[in-house]
Amino acid sequence: MNRQEKHEFVDAFRVQLKTAPFVVIAGYVGTPVNTSNKMRRSLEGGSVKVRIVKNSLAKLALEGTGREDLAPYFTGMTMVALTGEDPISGAKAIKEAFAEVKTIEVRAGHFEGDLLDSAAVSVVASLPSREELLVTLLRTIQEPARRVLGIIRAPARDLLFLLKNYENKLNEDSGE
């Protein structure tokens, strides 16, 4: 990589680091190339970008992103996973993919302006996704209206039940 290419990489990687809602730094010592490439392709099919980075260039790219606290984790063989618009589903995909490859070790992450250790990265992956939260919110909003509607319908339903029972009793009495 010549100087110009390095400069372009740093600029492009800086933009990715700045815009990604969730970033995971991992070491991949001992991971076969075929395995890491397969894992990377499976993640990139979703909304996750996986980059193998040179530590010195990655540290340069961190400057001005608000994620400078990740710099100490760029040591040795480093892989960076960056999520797309939905950080929780991306975190779940990353956790699954990294769990399949035993040689990948999560070092740190960055989410919502906070530096995360490897355990906290796992916790983020266990959070409900955006869709699950929206469904829960919708159910919460609809529940009071559903209860009111049940109360309003109850007298009519009870009256209908009472009339049906009366009709059945009349049919039984006339059949005797």
Protein backbone atom coordinates (compact mmCIF):
# COMPACT_ATOMS: atom_id res chain seq x y z
CA MET A 1 0.00 0.00 0.00
CA ASN A 2 1.56 3.31 -1.01
CA ARG A 3 1.23 6.55 0.92
CA GLN A 4 -1.81 7.77 -1.07
CA GLU A 5 -3.64 4.47 -0.58
CA LYS A 6 -2.92 4.58 3.15
CA HIS A 7 -4.28 8.12 3.36
CA GLU A 8 -7.45 7.09 1.49
CA PHE A 9 -7.86 4.05 3.76
CA VAL A 10 -7.52 6.17 6.90
CA ASP A 11 -10.11 8.68 5.63
CA ALA A 12 -12.59 5.98 4.60
CA PHE A 13 -12.12 4.01 7.83
CA ARG A 14 -12.54 7.20 9.90
CA VAL A 15 -15.94 7.80 8.27
CA GLN A 16 -16.97 4.19 8.96
CA LEU A 17 -15.88 4.44 12.59
CA LYS A 18 -17.70 7.73 13.05
CA THR A 19 -20.99 6.58 11.51
CA ALA A 20 -21.21 3.01 12.81
CA PRO A 21 -23.49 2.85 15.87
CA PHE A 22 -21.71 -0.23 17.25
CA VAL A 23 -18.04 -1.16 16.84
CA VAL A 24 -16.35 -4.36 18.01
CA ILE A 25 -12.58 -4.86 18.17
CA ALA A 26 -11.42 -8.49 18.14
CA GLY A 27 -8.23 -10.47 17.90
CA TYR A 28 -8.07 -13.37 15.50
CA VAL A 29 -4.76 -15.07 16.25
CA GLY A 30 -4.75 -18.66 15.03
CA THR A 31 -7.83 -18.29 12.84
CA PRO A 32 -7.39 -19.96 9.45
CA VAL A 33 -7.82 -17.58 6.50
CA ASN A 34 -10.63 -19.68 4.99
CA THR A 35 -12.55 -19.59 8.27
CA SER A 36 -12.18 -15.83 8.76
CA ASN A 37 -13.12 -15.12 5.13
CA LYS A 38 -16.23 -17.31 5.41
CA MET A 39 -17.23 -15.60 8.66
CA ARG A 40 -16.62 -12.14 7.17
CA ARG A 41 -18.75 -12.93 4.10
CA SER A 42 -21.59 -14.25 6.23
CA LEU A 43 -21.60 -11.06 8.35
CA GLU A 44 -21.31 -8.73 5.37
CA GLY A 45 -24.41 -10.38 3.89
CA GLY A 46 -26.27 -8.65 6.73
CA SER A 47 -25.60 -5.14 7.93
CA VAL A 48 -22.13 -5.72 9.40
CA LYS A 49 -18.81 -4.74 7.83
CA VAL A 50 -15.75 -6.64 8.98
CA ARG A 51 -12.32 -5.15 8.35
CA ILE A 52 -8.88 -6.56 8.98
CA VAL A 53 -6.85 -3.49 9.82
CA LYS A 54 -3.29 -2.43 10.31
CA ASN A 55 -3.11 -1.10 13.86
CA SER A 56 -1.13 2.06 13.11
CA LEU A 57 -3.59 3.08 10.37
CA ALA A 58 -6.59 2.25 12.56
CA LYS A 59 -5.23 4.41 15.38
CA LEU A 60 -4.83 7.30 12.92
CA ALA A 61 -8.42 6.75 11.73
CA LEU A 62 -9.72 6.93 15.32
CA GLU A 63 -8.63 10.56 15.67
CA GLY A 64 -11.64 12.86 15.64
CA THR A 65 -14.25 10.09 15.78
CA GLY A 66 -15.06 10.32 19.48
CA ARG A 67 -13.90 6.72 19.83
CA GLU A 68 -10.26 7.40 20.61
CA ASP A 69 -10.61 5.26 23.76
CA LEU A 70 -10.47 2.18 21.49
CA ALA A 71 -6.83 2.88 20.53
CA PRO A 72 -5.22 0.67 23.22
CA TYR A 73 -7.09 -2.36 21.85
CA PHE A 74 -5.43 -2.13 18.44
CA THR A 75 -2.57 -4.53 19.14
CA GLY A 76 -1.58 -7.74 17.40
CA MET A 77 -3.82 -9.17 14.71
CA THR A 78 -6.92 -7.01 14.79
CA MET A 79 -10.36 -7.35 13.24
CA VAL A 80 -12.99 -4.61 13.43
CA ALA A 81 -16.73 -5.25 13.02
CA LEU A 82 -18.92 -2.22 12.29
CA THR A 83 -22.71 -2.46 12.37
CA GLY A 84 -25.16 -0.78 10.04
CA GLU A 85 -28.35 1.05 10.98
CA ASP A 86 -29.63 -1.53 13.48
CA PRO A 87 -26.84 -2.00 16.02
CA ILE A 88 -28.62 -4.65 18.09
CA SER A 89 -29.28 -7.06 15.23
CA GLY A 90 -25.71 -6.42 14.07
CA ALA A 91 -24.42 -7.19 17.57
CA LYS A 92 -26.42 -10.43 17.60
CA ALA A 93 -24.97 -11.43 14.22
CA ILE A 94 -21.44 -10.61 15.39
CA LYS A 95 -21.89 -12.62 18.59
CA GLU A 96 -23.16 -15.65 16.65
CA ALA A 97 -20.41 -15.48 14.04
CA PHE A 98 -17.64 -15.00 16.60
CA ALA A 99 -19.01 -17.84 18.75
CA GLU A 100 -18.66 -20.23 15.81
CA VAL A 101 -14.98 -19.34 15.41
CA LYS A 102 -13.38 -20.20 18.74
CA THR A 103 -10.08 -18.43 17.96
CA ILE A 104 -11.66 -14.98 17.69
CA GLU A 105 -11.45 -13.06 20.95
CA VAL A 106 -13.52 -9.92 21.49
CA ARG A 107 -11.32 -7.26 23.06
CA ALA A 108 -13.61 -4.25 23.31
CA GLY A 109 -16.53 -2.43 21.77
CA HIS A 110 -18.06 1.00 21.50
CA PHE A 111 -21.79 1.64 21.74
CA GLU A 112 -23.77 4.83 22.40
CA GLY A 113 -20.61 6.76 23.29
CA ASP A 114 -19.41 4.19 25.84
CA LEU A 115 -16.37 1.94 25.79
CA LEU A 116 -17.38 -1.68 26.41
CA ASP A 117 -15.37 -4.65 27.59
CA SER A 118 -15.94 -8.09 26.05
CA ALA A 119 -18.66 -8.99 28.59
CA ALA A 120 -20.55 -5.77 27.88
CA VAL A 121 -20.36 -6.45 24.13
CA SER A 122 -22.12 -9.74 24.83
CA VAL A 123 -24.77 -7.92 26.89
CA VAL A 124 -25.49 -5.54 23.99
CA ALA A 125 -26.05 -8.57 21.78
CA SER A 126 -28.66 -9.87 24.23
CA LEU A 127 -30.75 -6.68 24.11
CA PRO A 128 -34.04 -6.84 22.22
CA SER A 129 -33.88 -5.70 18.60
CA ARG A 130 -35.51 -2.52 17.33
CA GLU A 131 -38.46 -4.50 15.92
CA GLU A 132 -39.00 -6.31 19.23
CA LEU A 133 -38.97 -2.99 21.09
CA LEU A 134 -41.47 -1.49 18.64
CA VAL A 135 -43.80 -4.48 19.05
CA THR A 136 -43.57 -4.18 22.84
CA LEU A 137 -44.28 -0.45 22.65
CA LEU A 138 -47.26 -1.00 20.36
CA ARG A 139 -48.70 -3.65 22.69
CA THR A 140 -48.22 -1.32 25.66
CA ILE A 141 -50.00 1.51 23.87
CA GLN A 142 -52.87 -0.71 22.69
CA GLU A 143 -53.52 -2.53 25.98
CA PRO A 144 -55.58 0.21 27.73
CA ALA A 145 -57.78 0.66 24.66
CA ARG A 146 -58.24 -3.11 24.41
CA ARG A 147 -59.34 -3.28 28.05
CA VAL A 148 -61.79 -0.38 27.63
CA LEU A 149 -63.22 -2.04 24.52
CA GLY A 150 -63.65 -5.30 26.48
CA ILE A 151 -65.53 -3.44 29.22
CA ILE A 152 -67.78 -1.68 26.69
CA ARG A 153 -68.56 -4.96 24.89
CA ALA A 154 -69.19 -6.92 28.10
CA PRO A 155 -72.86 -5.89 28.70
CA ALA A 156 -73.83 -6.61 25.10
CA ARG A 157 -71.98 -9.94 25.18
CA ASP A 158 -73.59 -10.85 28.49
CA LEU A 159 -77.04 -9.91 27.19
CA LEU A 160 -76.48 -11.99 24.05
CA PHE A 161 -75.36 -14.93 26.20
CA LEU A 162 -78.45 -14.52 28.44
CA LEU A 163 -80.82 -14.41 25.42
CA LYS A 164 -79.13 -17.47 23.87
CA ASN A 165 -79.58 -19.40 27.13
CA TYR A 166 -83.24 -18.30 27.30
CA GLU A 167 -83.77 -19.47 23.71
CA ASN A 168 -82.19 -22.85 24.53
CA LYS A 169 -84.43 -23.17 27.59
CA LEU A 170 -87.53 -22.36 25.53
CA ASN A 171 -86.52 -24.94 22.90
CA GLU A 172 -86.01 -27.55 25.62
CA ASP A 173 -89.39 -26.72 27.21
CA SER A 174 -91.27 -26.89 23.90
CA GLY A 175 -89.58 -30.17 22.98
CA GLU A 176 -90.89 -31.94 26.11
